[in-house]
């Protein structure tokens, strides 16, 4: 998915197939579960108060995405390490006493891998990934490692009460542009019938290889 001066270096896509488990339910499986805190509709409506501790969330998975109390930044969990990408663009380690109003995590044990070719935009990347997803009616956790010609991300500053809706909150977003950047895409694919529970299609976050920057992906 990226190129240097001499050759094309494909990015590596890793996928796991998941069942959805909302917080408060009893776990039916130890693995292959997407553990989710709250719903995307609640977040869209401005329910930004964190209520689920990261100590508890870390026990549910080593990989995932989410946000923080008062919508204070973008969460990226990778290889068991949790990061908070704040509005200054910096990725900070997450202490366990912080809380999340929304998150989706899993234990990342790969079911399938594939090499991805260069993609000129998000749509083309999605088309490539689509070919490796067995069914449009399942949840998937996705990890893409590589060097990317361009990644555009965002983060949002902490909101004050009374909280706005998410669409209004992101009007104050900070946008970051990365070029020829090595890092990892961390995300979830949800089916159309999950609308309201999670984001249908691809919901992707990014973190650099040195784990110092990242955010919610706007373009890649």
N, C-alpha and C. Protein backbone atom coordinates (compact mmCIF):
# COMPACT_ATOMS: atom_id res chain seq x y z
N UNK A 1 0.80 -1.19 0.00
CA UNK A 1 0.00 0.00 0.00
C UNK A 1 0.83 1.25 0.00
N UNK A 2 2.12 1.07 -0.01
CA UNK A 2 3.00 2.22 -0.03
C UNK A 2 4.14 1.99 -0.98
N UNK A 3 4.85 3.05 -1.32
CA UNK A 3 5.97 2.91 -2.24
C UNK A 3 7.14 3.72 -1.74
N UNK A 4 8.37 3.14 -1.89
CA UNK A 4 9.56 3.96 -1.68
C UNK A 4 10.17 4.23 -3.04
N UNK A 5 11.42 4.67 -3.07
CA UNK A 5 11.99 5.09 -4.34
C UNK A 5 12.25 3.92 -5.28
N UNK A 6 12.35 2.70 -4.73
CA UNK A 6 12.75 1.60 -5.58
C UNK A 6 11.67 0.54 -5.80
N UNK A 7 10.75 0.40 -4.86
CA UNK A 7 9.80 -0.68 -5.02
C UNK A 7 8.53 -0.40 -4.23
N UNK A 8 7.50 -1.15 -4.55
CA UNK A 8 6.24 -1.06 -3.82
C UNK A 8 6.29 -1.99 -2.62
N UNK A 9 5.90 -1.48 -1.47
CA UNK A 9 5.85 -2.29 -0.26
C UNK A 9 4.39 -2.44 0.14
N UNK A 10 3.81 -3.63 -0.02
CA UNK A 10 2.41 -3.78 0.35
C UNK A 10 2.22 -3.70 1.85
N UNK A 11 1.07 -3.19 2.25
CA UNK A 11 0.71 -3.21 3.66
C UNK A 11 0.11 -4.57 3.98
N UNK A 12 0.22 -4.97 5.24
CA UNK A 12 -0.30 -6.26 5.66
C UNK A 12 -1.61 -6.07 6.38
N UNK A 13 -2.67 -6.67 5.85
CA UNK A 13 -3.98 -6.66 6.48
C UNK A 13 -4.14 -7.90 7.34
N UNK A 14 -4.55 -7.71 8.59
CA UNK A 14 -4.89 -8.82 9.48
C UNK A 14 -6.34 -8.66 9.90
N UNK A 15 -7.09 -9.76 9.89
CA UNK A 15 -8.53 -9.71 10.15
C UNK A 15 -8.90 -10.79 11.15
N UNK A 16 -9.83 -10.47 12.07
CA UNK A 16 -10.46 -11.51 12.87
C UNK A 16 -11.97 -11.36 12.75
N UNK A 17 -12.68 -12.47 12.85
CA UNK A 17 -14.14 -12.51 12.71
C UNK A 17 -14.74 -12.54 14.11
N UNK A 18 -15.78 -11.73 14.35
CA UNK A 18 -16.23 -11.47 15.71
C UNK A 18 -17.73 -11.61 15.88
N UNK A 19 -18.12 -11.90 17.12
CA UNK A 19 -19.49 -11.73 17.58
C UNK A 19 -19.53 -10.49 18.46
N UNK A 20 -20.65 -9.80 18.50
CA UNK A 20 -20.77 -8.56 19.26
C UNK A 20 -21.26 -8.85 20.68
N UNK A 21 -20.59 -8.23 21.66
CA UNK A 21 -21.01 -8.31 23.06
C UNK A 21 -21.04 -6.91 23.62
N UNK A 22 -22.21 -6.45 24.06
CA UNK A 22 -22.33 -5.13 24.67
C UNK A 22 -22.01 -5.23 26.15
N UNK A 23 -21.43 -4.16 26.71
CA UNK A 23 -21.11 -4.15 28.13
C UNK A 23 -22.39 -4.38 28.93
N UNK A 24 -22.28 -5.16 30.00
CA UNK A 24 -23.44 -5.50 30.80
C UNK A 24 -23.99 -6.87 30.49
N UNK A 25 -23.62 -7.44 29.32
CA UNK A 25 -24.03 -8.79 28.98
C UNK A 25 -23.01 -9.78 29.54
N UNK A 26 -23.44 -11.01 29.73
CA UNK A 26 -22.53 -12.07 30.13
C UNK A 26 -21.82 -12.59 28.88
N UNK A 27 -20.51 -12.75 28.98
CA UNK A 27 -19.74 -13.20 27.83
C UNK A 27 -20.08 -14.64 27.47
N UNK A 28 -20.37 -14.88 26.20
CA UNK A 28 -20.66 -16.23 25.74
C UNK A 28 -19.39 -16.91 25.23
N UNK A 29 -18.39 -16.11 24.85
CA UNK A 29 -17.16 -16.65 24.30
C UNK A 29 -15.99 -15.93 24.95
N UNK A 30 -14.87 -16.62 25.05
CA UNK A 30 -13.68 -15.97 25.58
C UNK A 30 -12.95 -15.22 24.48
N UNK A 31 -13.03 -15.73 23.26
CA UNK A 31 -12.33 -15.12 22.14
C UNK A 31 -13.34 -14.81 21.03
N UNK A 32 -12.85 -14.11 20.01
CA UNK A 32 -13.68 -13.76 18.86
C UNK A 32 -14.93 -13.00 19.27
N UNK A 33 -14.77 -12.12 20.26
CA UNK A 33 -15.86 -11.28 20.73
C UNK A 33 -15.45 -9.82 20.60
N UNK A 34 -16.33 -9.01 20.04
CA UNK A 34 -16.15 -7.56 20.05
C UNK A 34 -16.89 -7.03 21.27
N UNK A 35 -16.16 -6.58 22.26
CA UNK A 35 -16.76 -6.06 23.48
C UNK A 35 -16.96 -4.56 23.30
N UNK A 36 -18.19 -4.11 23.42
CA UNK A 36 -18.50 -2.71 23.13
C UNK A 36 -19.12 -2.02 24.33
N UNK A 37 -18.64 -0.81 24.59
CA UNK A 37 -19.18 0.07 25.63
C UNK A 37 -20.13 1.06 24.97
N UNK A 38 -21.39 1.06 25.34
CA UNK A 38 -22.42 1.96 24.83
C UNK A 38 -22.65 1.73 23.34
N UNK A 39 -23.28 2.70 22.68
CA UNK A 39 -23.60 2.59 21.26
C UNK A 39 -23.18 3.86 20.54
N UNK A 40 -23.00 3.75 19.23
CA UNK A 40 -22.61 4.92 18.46
C UNK A 40 -23.73 5.95 18.43
N UNK A 41 -24.99 5.51 18.47
CA UNK A 41 -26.10 6.46 18.50
C UNK A 41 -26.06 7.32 19.76
N UNK A 42 -25.73 6.71 20.90
CA UNK A 42 -25.62 7.48 22.14
C UNK A 42 -24.53 8.53 22.00
N UNK A 43 -23.40 8.14 21.42
CA UNK A 43 -22.31 9.10 21.23
C UNK A 43 -22.73 10.20 20.28
N UNK A 44 -23.44 9.86 19.22
CA UNK A 44 -23.92 10.86 18.26
C UNK A 44 -24.84 11.87 18.93
N UNK A 45 -25.59 11.43 19.92
CA UNK A 45 -26.54 12.31 20.61
C UNK A 45 -25.87 13.17 21.68
N UNK A 46 -24.58 12.95 21.93
CA UNK A 46 -23.87 13.77 22.90
C UNK A 46 -23.73 13.14 24.27
N UNK A 47 -23.84 11.82 24.35
CA UNK A 47 -23.65 11.13 25.62
C UNK A 47 -22.15 10.88 25.78
N UNK A 48 -21.46 11.87 26.34
CA UNK A 48 -20.01 11.86 26.40
C UNK A 48 -19.45 11.55 27.78
N UNK A 49 -20.31 11.37 28.77
CA UNK A 49 -19.81 11.06 30.11
C UNK A 49 -19.22 9.66 30.13
N UNK A 50 -17.95 9.56 30.53
CA UNK A 50 -17.34 8.25 30.67
C UNK A 50 -17.91 7.51 31.87
N UNK A 51 -18.14 6.21 31.70
CA UNK A 51 -18.68 5.42 32.81
C UNK A 51 -18.02 4.06 32.95
N UNK A 52 -17.23 3.66 31.96
CA UNK A 52 -16.59 2.35 31.99
C UNK A 52 -15.09 2.56 32.12
N UNK A 53 -14.49 2.04 33.18
CA UNK A 53 -13.08 2.32 33.44
C UNK A 53 -12.17 1.59 32.45
N UNK A 54 -11.04 2.21 32.19
CA UNK A 54 -10.08 1.56 31.30
C UNK A 54 -9.43 0.35 31.96
N UNK A 55 -9.36 0.32 33.26
CA UNK A 55 -8.91 -0.91 33.93
C UNK A 55 -9.78 -2.09 33.50
N UNK A 56 -11.10 -1.87 33.51
CA UNK A 56 -12.02 -2.93 33.11
C UNK A 56 -11.97 -3.18 31.60
N UNK A 57 -11.83 -2.11 30.83
CA UNK A 57 -11.79 -2.26 29.38
C UNK A 57 -10.55 -3.05 28.94
N UNK A 58 -9.42 -2.76 29.57
CA UNK A 58 -8.19 -3.47 29.23
C UNK A 58 -8.29 -4.96 29.50
N UNK A 59 -9.13 -5.33 30.44
CA UNK A 59 -9.34 -6.75 30.74
C UNK A 59 -10.17 -7.44 29.66
N UNK A 60 -10.86 -6.65 28.84
CA UNK A 60 -11.73 -7.20 27.80
C UNK A 60 -11.04 -7.35 26.45
N UNK A 61 -9.93 -6.64 26.24
CA UNK A 61 -9.29 -6.74 24.95
C UNK A 61 -7.98 -5.99 24.88
N UNK A 62 -7.17 -6.35 23.88
CA UNK A 62 -5.86 -5.74 23.68
C UNK A 62 -5.80 -4.92 22.40
N UNK A 63 -6.96 -4.72 21.77
CA UNK A 63 -7.01 -4.08 20.45
C UNK A 63 -8.36 -3.41 20.30
N UNK A 64 -8.37 -2.17 19.80
CA UNK A 64 -9.66 -1.54 19.55
C UNK A 64 -9.60 -0.04 19.44
N UNK A 65 -10.79 0.55 19.41
CA UNK A 65 -10.94 1.99 19.23
C UNK A 65 -12.01 2.50 20.18
N UNK A 66 -12.03 3.82 20.37
CA UNK A 66 -13.03 4.41 21.25
C UNK A 66 -12.71 5.87 21.52
N UNK A 67 -13.24 6.37 22.62
CA UNK A 67 -12.98 7.74 23.02
C UNK A 67 -13.01 7.83 24.54
N UNK A 68 -12.94 9.04 25.06
CA UNK A 68 -12.73 9.27 26.49
C UNK A 68 -13.81 10.17 27.07
N UNK A 69 -13.85 10.21 28.39
CA UNK A 69 -14.79 11.08 29.09
C UNK A 69 -14.75 12.49 28.49
N UNK A 70 -15.91 13.04 28.23
CA UNK A 70 -16.06 14.37 27.64
C UNK A 70 -15.57 14.44 26.20
N UNK A 71 -15.42 13.28 25.56
CA UNK A 71 -14.96 13.20 24.17
C UNK A 71 -13.54 13.73 24.01
N UNK A 72 -12.72 13.53 25.03
CA UNK A 72 -11.38 14.10 25.07
C UNK A 72 -10.38 13.24 24.31
N UNK A 73 -10.48 13.25 22.98
CA UNK A 73 -9.50 12.57 22.16
C UNK A 73 -9.97 11.24 21.61
N UNK A 74 -9.08 10.63 20.82
CA UNK A 74 -9.36 9.36 20.13
C UNK A 74 -8.57 8.24 20.78
N UNK A 75 -9.22 7.11 21.01
CA UNK A 75 -8.56 5.97 21.63
C UNK A 75 -8.07 4.99 20.58
N UNK A 76 -6.84 4.53 20.76
CA UNK A 76 -6.28 3.46 19.94
C UNK A 76 -5.68 2.43 20.89
N UNK A 77 -6.11 1.18 20.77
CA UNK A 77 -5.51 0.09 21.54
C UNK A 77 -4.85 -0.88 20.58
N UNK A 78 -3.58 -1.16 20.82
CA UNK A 78 -2.81 -2.01 19.91
C UNK A 78 -1.76 -2.77 20.71
N UNK A 79 -1.72 -4.09 20.51
CA UNK A 79 -0.76 -4.94 21.21
C UNK A 79 -0.84 -4.78 22.72
N UNK A 80 -2.04 -4.56 23.22
CA UNK A 80 -2.24 -4.47 24.66
C UNK A 80 -1.94 -3.12 25.26
N UNK A 81 -1.50 -2.17 24.46
CA UNK A 81 -1.21 -0.81 24.93
C UNK A 81 -2.31 0.13 24.46
N UNK A 82 -2.80 0.95 25.39
CA UNK A 82 -3.88 1.89 25.09
C UNK A 82 -3.32 3.31 25.01
N UNK A 83 -3.78 4.05 23.98
CA UNK A 83 -3.29 5.41 23.76
C UNK A 83 -4.47 6.38 23.60
N UNK A 84 -4.24 7.60 24.07
CA UNK A 84 -5.20 8.69 23.92
C UNK A 84 -4.57 9.74 23.01
N UNK A 85 -5.09 9.86 21.79
CA UNK A 85 -4.61 10.90 20.88
C UNK A 85 -5.46 12.13 21.13
N UNK A 86 -4.85 13.12 21.77
CA UNK A 86 -5.59 14.32 22.15
C UNK A 86 -5.60 15.34 21.01
N UNK A 87 -6.25 16.46 21.25
CA UNK A 87 -6.41 17.48 20.21
C UNK A 87 -5.10 18.14 19.82
N UNK A 88 -4.03 17.91 20.61
CA UNK A 88 -2.71 18.41 20.23
C UNK A 88 -1.99 17.45 19.30
N UNK A 89 -2.62 16.31 19.00
CA UNK A 89 -2.04 15.35 18.08
C UNK A 89 -1.12 14.34 18.70
N UNK A 90 -0.85 14.46 19.99
CA UNK A 90 0.08 13.58 20.68
C UNK A 90 -0.66 12.37 21.23
N UNK A 91 -0.05 11.19 21.12
CA UNK A 91 -0.61 9.96 21.68
C UNK A 91 -0.04 9.73 23.07
N UNK A 92 -0.91 9.75 24.07
CA UNK A 92 -0.51 9.58 25.46
C UNK A 92 -0.93 8.19 25.96
N UNK A 93 -0.11 7.55 26.80
CA UNK A 93 -0.54 6.30 27.43
C UNK A 93 -1.77 6.54 28.29
N UNK A 94 -2.67 5.58 28.33
CA UNK A 94 -3.94 5.72 29.05
C UNK A 94 -3.83 5.08 30.43
N UNK A 95 -4.01 5.85 31.50
CA UNK A 95 -4.05 5.25 32.84
C UNK A 95 -5.37 4.53 33.05
N UNK A 96 -5.34 3.51 33.88
CA UNK A 96 -6.50 2.67 34.06
C UNK A 96 -7.67 3.34 34.72
N UNK A 97 -7.44 4.46 35.42
CA UNK A 97 -8.55 5.11 36.13
C UNK A 97 -9.34 6.06 35.24
N UNK A 98 -8.95 6.22 33.98
CA UNK A 98 -9.75 7.00 33.05
C UNK A 98 -10.99 6.20 32.66
N UNK A 99 -11.97 6.90 32.07
CA UNK A 99 -13.22 6.23 31.70
C UNK A 99 -13.59 6.51 30.25
N UNK A 100 -14.38 5.60 29.69
CA UNK A 100 -14.82 5.70 28.29
C UNK A 100 -16.33 5.78 28.21
N UNK A 101 -16.86 6.68 27.37
CA UNK A 101 -18.29 6.68 27.07
C UNK A 101 -18.63 5.75 25.90
N UNK A 102 -17.61 5.43 25.09
CA UNK A 102 -17.80 4.54 23.95
C UNK A 102 -16.46 3.89 23.63
N UNK A 103 -16.49 2.59 23.38
CA UNK A 103 -15.29 1.86 22.96
C UNK A 103 -15.71 0.52 22.39
N UNK A 104 -14.85 -0.04 21.54
CA UNK A 104 -15.05 -1.38 21.00
C UNK A 104 -13.69 -2.06 20.97
N UNK A 105 -13.55 -3.15 21.74
CA UNK A 105 -12.25 -3.81 21.86
C UNK A 105 -12.42 -5.32 21.72
N UNK A 106 -11.30 -5.99 21.45
CA UNK A 106 -11.29 -7.43 21.33
C UNK A 106 -9.89 -7.94 21.65
N UNK A 107 -9.78 -9.26 21.81
CA UNK A 107 -8.48 -9.90 21.88
C UNK A 107 -8.10 -10.27 20.45
N UNK A 108 -7.03 -9.67 19.96
CA UNK A 108 -6.73 -9.77 18.54
C UNK A 108 -5.91 -11.03 18.27
N UNK A 109 -6.58 -12.05 17.77
CA UNK A 109 -5.95 -13.29 17.34
C UNK A 109 -6.34 -13.49 15.88
N UNK A 110 -5.37 -13.42 15.00
CA UNK A 110 -5.62 -13.30 13.57
C UNK A 110 -6.28 -14.55 12.99
N UNK A 111 -7.34 -14.34 12.22
CA UNK A 111 -7.98 -15.40 11.45
C UNK A 111 -7.53 -15.41 10.00
N UNK A 112 -7.12 -14.26 9.49
CA UNK A 112 -6.79 -14.16 8.06
C UNK A 112 -5.84 -13.00 7.85
N UNK A 113 -4.88 -13.17 6.93
CA UNK A 113 -3.99 -12.08 6.56
C UNK A 113 -3.95 -11.95 5.04
N UNK A 114 -3.61 -10.77 4.57
CA UNK A 114 -3.51 -10.52 3.13
C UNK A 114 -2.63 -9.31 2.90
N UNK A 115 -1.94 -9.29 1.77
CA UNK A 115 -1.16 -8.13 1.37
C UNK A 115 -2.05 -7.20 0.56
N UNK A 116 -1.97 -5.90 0.84
CA UNK A 116 -2.74 -4.89 0.12
C UNK A 116 -1.82 -4.10 -0.79
N UNK A 117 -2.30 -3.81 -1.98
CA UNK A 117 -1.52 -3.00 -2.92
C UNK A 117 -1.73 -1.52 -2.62
N UNK A 118 -0.97 -0.69 -3.34
CA UNK A 118 -1.12 0.75 -3.18
C UNK A 118 -2.57 1.16 -3.41
N UNK A 119 -3.08 2.00 -2.52
CA UNK A 119 -4.43 2.55 -2.67
C UNK A 119 -4.33 4.07 -2.67
N UNK A 120 -4.99 4.70 -3.62
CA UNK A 120 -4.87 6.15 -3.76
C UNK A 120 -5.80 6.92 -2.83
N UNK A 121 -6.80 6.22 -2.26
CA UNK A 121 -7.73 6.90 -1.36
C UNK A 121 -8.45 5.86 -0.49
N UNK A 122 -9.28 6.37 0.41
CA UNK A 122 -9.99 5.51 1.35
C UNK A 122 -10.91 4.54 0.63
N UNK A 123 -11.61 5.02 -0.40
CA UNK A 123 -12.55 4.17 -1.13
C UNK A 123 -11.85 2.99 -1.78
N UNK A 124 -10.70 3.24 -2.38
CA UNK A 124 -9.95 2.16 -3.03
C UNK A 124 -9.43 1.17 -1.99
N UNK A 125 -8.97 1.68 -0.86
CA UNK A 125 -8.52 0.79 0.21
C UNK A 125 -9.66 -0.10 0.69
N UNK A 126 -10.83 0.50 0.88
CA UNK A 126 -11.99 -0.26 1.34
C UNK A 126 -12.36 -1.36 0.35
N UNK A 127 -12.27 -1.07 -0.94
CA UNK A 127 -12.58 -2.08 -1.95
C UNK A 127 -11.64 -3.28 -1.84
N UNK A 128 -10.36 -2.98 -1.59
CA UNK A 128 -9.40 -4.07 -1.44
C UNK A 128 -9.72 -4.92 -0.22
N UNK A 129 -10.01 -4.26 0.89
CA UNK A 129 -10.32 -5.01 2.12
C UNK A 129 -11.60 -5.81 1.94
N UNK A 130 -12.59 -5.23 1.28
CA UNK A 130 -13.88 -5.90 1.08
C UNK A 130 -13.71 -7.31 0.50
N UNK A 131 -12.72 -7.46 -0.38
CA UNK A 131 -12.52 -8.75 -1.04
C UNK A 131 -12.09 -9.84 -0.06
N UNK A 132 -11.61 -9.44 1.10
CA UNK A 132 -11.10 -10.41 2.07
C UNK A 132 -12.07 -10.65 3.23
N UNK A 133 -13.23 -10.01 3.19
CA UNK A 133 -14.23 -10.21 4.24
C UNK A 133 -15.24 -11.25 3.77
N UNK A 134 -15.35 -12.38 4.44
CA UNK A 134 -16.19 -13.48 3.95
C UNK A 134 -17.67 -13.14 3.83
N UNK A 135 -18.19 -12.28 4.71
CA UNK A 135 -19.62 -12.00 4.71
C UNK A 135 -19.87 -10.56 5.09
N UNK A 136 -20.87 -9.90 4.47
CA UNK A 136 -21.23 -8.54 4.87
C UNK A 136 -22.09 -8.51 6.12
N UNK A 137 -22.36 -9.67 6.69
CA UNK A 137 -23.27 -9.76 7.83
C UNK A 137 -22.56 -10.16 9.12
N UNK A 138 -21.28 -9.83 9.21
CA UNK A 138 -20.51 -10.14 10.41
C UNK A 138 -19.71 -8.92 10.83
N UNK A 139 -19.18 -8.97 12.04
CA UNK A 139 -18.27 -7.94 12.54
C UNK A 139 -16.84 -8.43 12.35
N UNK A 140 -15.93 -7.47 12.05
CA UNK A 140 -14.52 -7.81 11.88
C UNK A 140 -13.66 -6.77 12.59
N UNK A 141 -12.56 -7.24 13.17
CA UNK A 141 -11.52 -6.33 13.65
C UNK A 141 -10.41 -6.34 12.61
N UNK A 142 -9.92 -5.16 12.27
CA UNK A 142 -8.96 -5.00 11.18
C UNK A 142 -7.70 -4.30 11.67
N UNK A 143 -6.57 -4.84 11.27
CA UNK A 143 -5.29 -4.18 11.53
C UNK A 143 -4.51 -4.14 10.23
N UNK A 144 -4.02 -2.96 9.87
CA UNK A 144 -3.21 -2.80 8.66
C UNK A 144 -1.89 -2.16 9.07
N UNK A 145 -0.80 -2.88 8.84
CA UNK A 145 0.54 -2.37 9.15
C UNK A 145 1.26 -2.05 7.85
N UNK A 146 1.86 -0.87 7.78
CA UNK A 146 2.58 -0.53 6.57
C UNK A 146 3.11 0.89 6.61
N UNK A 147 3.67 1.31 5.48
CA UNK A 147 4.10 2.69 5.29
C UNK A 147 3.14 3.31 4.28
N UNK A 148 2.49 4.38 4.69
CA UNK A 148 1.38 4.95 3.93
C UNK A 148 1.80 6.28 3.30
N UNK A 149 1.53 6.47 2.01
CA UNK A 149 1.88 7.74 1.38
C UNK A 149 1.21 8.94 2.05
N UNK A 150 -0.03 8.73 2.53
CA UNK A 150 -0.76 9.85 3.13
C UNK A 150 -1.82 9.31 4.08
N UNK A 151 -1.88 9.90 5.25
CA UNK A 151 -2.95 9.62 6.21
C UNK A 151 -3.41 10.95 6.80
N UNK A 152 -4.70 11.17 6.77
CA UNK A 152 -5.30 12.37 7.38
C UNK A 152 -6.15 11.92 8.56
N UNK A 153 -5.84 12.45 9.74
CA UNK A 153 -6.58 12.06 10.94
C UNK A 153 -7.13 13.29 11.65
N UNK A 154 -7.96 13.01 12.66
CA UNK A 154 -8.50 14.09 13.46
C UNK A 154 -8.58 13.66 14.91
N UNK A 155 -8.63 14.66 15.78
CA UNK A 155 -8.99 14.43 17.17
C UNK A 155 -9.83 15.62 17.62
N UNK A 156 -10.50 15.43 18.74
CA UNK A 156 -11.46 16.43 19.23
C UNK A 156 -11.09 16.81 20.66
N UNK A 157 -11.14 18.09 20.99
CA UNK A 157 -10.85 18.49 22.38
C UNK A 157 -11.99 18.11 23.32
N UNK A 158 -11.69 18.07 24.60
CA UNK A 158 -12.70 17.77 25.62
C UNK A 158 -13.85 18.77 25.51
N UNK A 159 -15.07 18.27 25.62
CA UNK A 159 -16.26 19.09 25.50
C UNK A 159 -16.76 19.51 26.89
N UNK A 160 -17.44 20.64 26.93
CA UNK A 160 -18.02 21.13 28.17
C UNK A 160 -19.53 20.91 28.17
N UNK A 161 -20.07 20.69 29.37
CA UNK A 161 -21.52 20.52 29.51
C UNK A 161 -22.23 21.87 29.43
N UNK A 162 -23.43 21.92 28.91
CA UNK A 162 -24.16 20.80 28.32
C UNK A 162 -23.52 20.35 27.01
N UNK A 163 -23.31 19.06 26.88
CA UNK A 163 -22.61 18.55 25.72
C UNK A 163 -23.38 18.79 24.42
N UNK A 164 -22.66 19.14 23.36
CA UNK A 164 -23.31 19.22 22.04
C UNK A 164 -23.46 17.81 21.45
N UNK A 165 -24.16 17.72 20.35
CA UNK A 165 -24.17 16.47 19.59
C UNK A 165 -22.79 16.28 18.96
N UNK A 166 -22.50 15.04 18.60
CA UNK A 166 -21.18 14.74 18.04
C UNK A 166 -20.90 15.56 16.78
N UNK A 167 -21.90 15.73 15.93
CA UNK A 167 -21.69 16.48 14.69
C UNK A 167 -21.25 17.91 14.96
N UNK A 168 -21.73 18.49 16.06
CA UNK A 168 -21.31 19.84 16.43
C UNK A 168 -19.94 19.81 17.08
N UNK A 169 -19.66 18.79 17.88
CA UNK A 169 -18.38 18.71 18.57
C UNK A 169 -17.22 18.61 17.59
N UNK A 170 -17.40 17.87 16.50
CA UNK A 170 -16.29 17.68 15.56
C UNK A 170 -16.04 18.91 14.70
N UNK A 171 -16.91 19.90 14.77
CA UNK A 171 -16.63 21.15 14.07
C UNK A 171 -15.40 21.83 14.64
N UNK A 172 -15.05 21.48 15.89
CA UNK A 172 -13.88 22.04 16.55
C UNK A 172 -12.70 21.07 16.52
N UNK A 173 -12.73 20.13 15.59
CA UNK A 173 -11.69 19.11 15.54
C UNK A 173 -10.35 19.67 15.09
N UNK A 174 -9.29 19.00 15.54
CA UNK A 174 -7.94 19.27 15.04
C UNK A 174 -7.63 18.23 13.98
N UNK A 175 -7.04 18.65 12.86
CA UNK A 175 -6.75 17.75 11.75
C UNK A 175 -5.24 17.63 11.57
N UNK A 176 -4.78 16.40 11.33
CA UNK A 176 -3.35 16.13 11.20
C UNK A 176 -3.10 15.41 9.89
N UNK A 177 -2.07 15.84 9.18
CA UNK A 177 -1.71 15.27 7.90
C UNK A 177 -0.35 14.60 8.00
N UNK A 178 -0.30 13.31 7.66
CA UNK A 178 0.95 12.55 7.68
C UNK A 178 1.29 12.14 6.26
N UNK A 179 2.56 12.25 5.88
CA UNK A 179 3.01 11.78 4.58
C UNK A 179 4.15 10.79 4.76
N UNK A 180 4.14 9.75 3.92
CA UNK A 180 5.15 8.69 3.98
C UNK A 180 5.37 8.25 5.42
N UNK A 181 4.30 7.86 6.06
CA UNK A 181 4.31 7.56 7.49
C UNK A 181 4.13 6.06 7.72
N UNK A 182 4.96 5.50 8.58
CA UNK A 182 4.83 4.09 8.95
C UNK A 182 4.01 3.98 10.23
N UNK A 183 3.06 3.08 10.21
CA UNK A 183 2.21 2.93 11.39
C UNK A 183 1.19 1.83 11.20
N UNK A 184 0.15 1.88 12.02
CA UNK A 184 -0.88 0.83 12.02
C UNK A 184 -2.27 1.44 11.99
N UNK A 185 -3.10 0.90 11.13
CA UNK A 185 -4.52 1.20 11.12
C UNK A 185 -5.21 0.18 12.03
N UNK A 186 -6.01 0.69 12.95
CA UNK A 186 -6.72 -0.15 13.91
C UNK A 186 -8.21 0.14 13.74
N UNK A 187 -9.01 -0.89 13.51
CA UNK A 187 -10.41 -0.56 13.27
C UNK A 187 -11.36 -1.73 13.34
N UNK A 188 -12.61 -1.38 13.11
CA UNK A 188 -13.72 -2.33 13.16
C UNK A 188 -14.57 -2.15 11.91
N UNK A 189 -15.01 -3.26 11.34
CA UNK A 189 -16.01 -3.24 10.28
C UNK A 189 -17.29 -3.81 10.86
N UNK A 190 -18.39 -3.06 10.71
CA UNK A 190 -19.69 -3.51 11.23
C UNK A 190 -20.69 -3.60 10.08
N UNK A 191 -21.59 -4.57 10.12
CA UNK A 191 -22.59 -4.72 9.05
C UNK A 191 -23.66 -3.63 9.10
N UNK A 192 -24.39 -3.49 8.01
CA UNK A 192 -25.41 -2.45 7.92
C UNK A 192 -26.47 -2.57 9.01
N UNK A 193 -26.81 -3.80 9.39
CA UNK A 193 -27.86 -3.95 10.39
C UNK A 193 -27.44 -3.49 11.79
N UNK A 194 -26.13 -3.18 11.95
CA UNK A 194 -25.64 -2.69 13.24
C UNK A 194 -25.77 -1.17 13.37
N UNK A 195 -26.36 -0.53 12.37
CA UNK A 195 -26.53 0.92 12.43
C UNK A 195 -27.21 1.32 13.74
N UNK A 196 -26.63 2.30 14.39
CA UNK A 196 -27.13 2.73 15.69
C UNK A 196 -26.35 2.12 16.83
N UNK A 197 -25.88 0.89 16.63
CA UNK A 197 -25.05 0.23 17.64
C UNK A 197 -23.58 0.57 17.40
N UNK A 198 -23.14 0.42 16.17
CA UNK A 198 -21.78 0.78 15.78
C UNK A 198 -21.86 1.47 14.42
N UNK A 199 -20.73 1.92 13.92
CA UNK A 199 -20.69 2.60 12.63
C UNK A 199 -20.74 1.55 11.53
N UNK A 200 -21.76 1.53 10.68
CA UNK A 200 -21.77 0.56 9.58
C UNK A 200 -20.57 0.79 8.66
N UNK A 201 -19.95 -0.30 8.23
CA UNK A 201 -18.77 -0.17 7.40
C UNK A 201 -17.52 -0.01 8.24
N UNK A 202 -16.59 0.78 7.75
CA UNK A 202 -15.28 0.89 8.37
C UNK A 202 -15.21 2.06 9.35
N UNK A 203 -14.73 1.78 10.55
CA UNK A 203 -14.43 2.80 11.56
C UNK A 203 -12.98 2.58 11.94
N UNK A 204 -12.09 3.47 11.47
CA UNK A 204 -10.66 3.24 11.54
C UNK A 204 -9.93 4.35 12.29
N UNK A 205 -9.00 3.96 13.13
CA UNK A 205 -8.09 4.89 13.79
C UNK A 205 -6.66 4.54 13.35
N UNK A 206 -5.73 5.45 13.63
CA UNK A 206 -4.34 5.27 13.18
C UNK A 206 -3.40 5.64 14.31
N UNK A 207 -2.28 4.92 14.37
CA UNK A 207 -1.21 5.30 15.28
C UNK A 207 0.13 5.07 14.59
N UNK A 208 1.05 5.98 14.78
CA UNK A 208 2.35 5.88 14.12
C UNK A 208 3.18 4.76 14.74
N UNK A 209 4.18 4.32 14.00
CA UNK A 209 5.02 3.21 14.47
C UNK A 209 5.68 3.52 15.80
N UNK A 210 6.06 4.78 16.02
CA UNK A 210 6.69 5.14 17.29
C UNK A 210 5.68 5.40 18.40
N UNK A 211 4.38 5.24 18.07
CA UNK A 211 3.29 5.39 19.05
C UNK A 211 3.24 6.79 19.65
N UNK A 212 3.56 7.79 18.84
CA UNK A 212 3.57 9.16 19.34
C UNK A 212 2.46 10.03 18.78
N UNK A 213 1.77 9.57 17.74
CA UNK A 213 0.73 10.40 17.10
C UNK A 213 -0.27 9.48 16.41
N UNK A 214 -1.39 10.08 16.00
CA UNK A 214 -2.41 9.29 15.30
C UNK A 214 -3.74 10.01 15.24
N UNK A 215 -4.84 9.26 15.46
CA UNK A 215 -6.16 9.85 15.46
C UNK A 215 -7.17 9.03 14.68
N UNK A 216 -8.37 9.59 14.56
CA UNK A 216 -9.47 9.00 13.78
C UNK A 216 -9.19 9.28 12.30
N UNK A 217 -9.22 8.25 11.47
CA UNK A 217 -8.86 8.41 10.06
C UNK A 217 -9.98 9.09 9.29
N UNK A 218 -9.62 10.18 8.61
CA UNK A 218 -10.52 10.88 7.70
C UNK A 218 -10.24 10.50 6.26
N UNK A 219 -8.96 10.29 5.94
CA UNK A 219 -8.56 9.93 4.57
C UNK A 219 -7.25 9.16 4.65
N UNK A 220 -7.07 8.29 3.67
CA UNK A 220 -5.85 7.50 3.62
C UNK A 220 -5.56 7.13 2.17
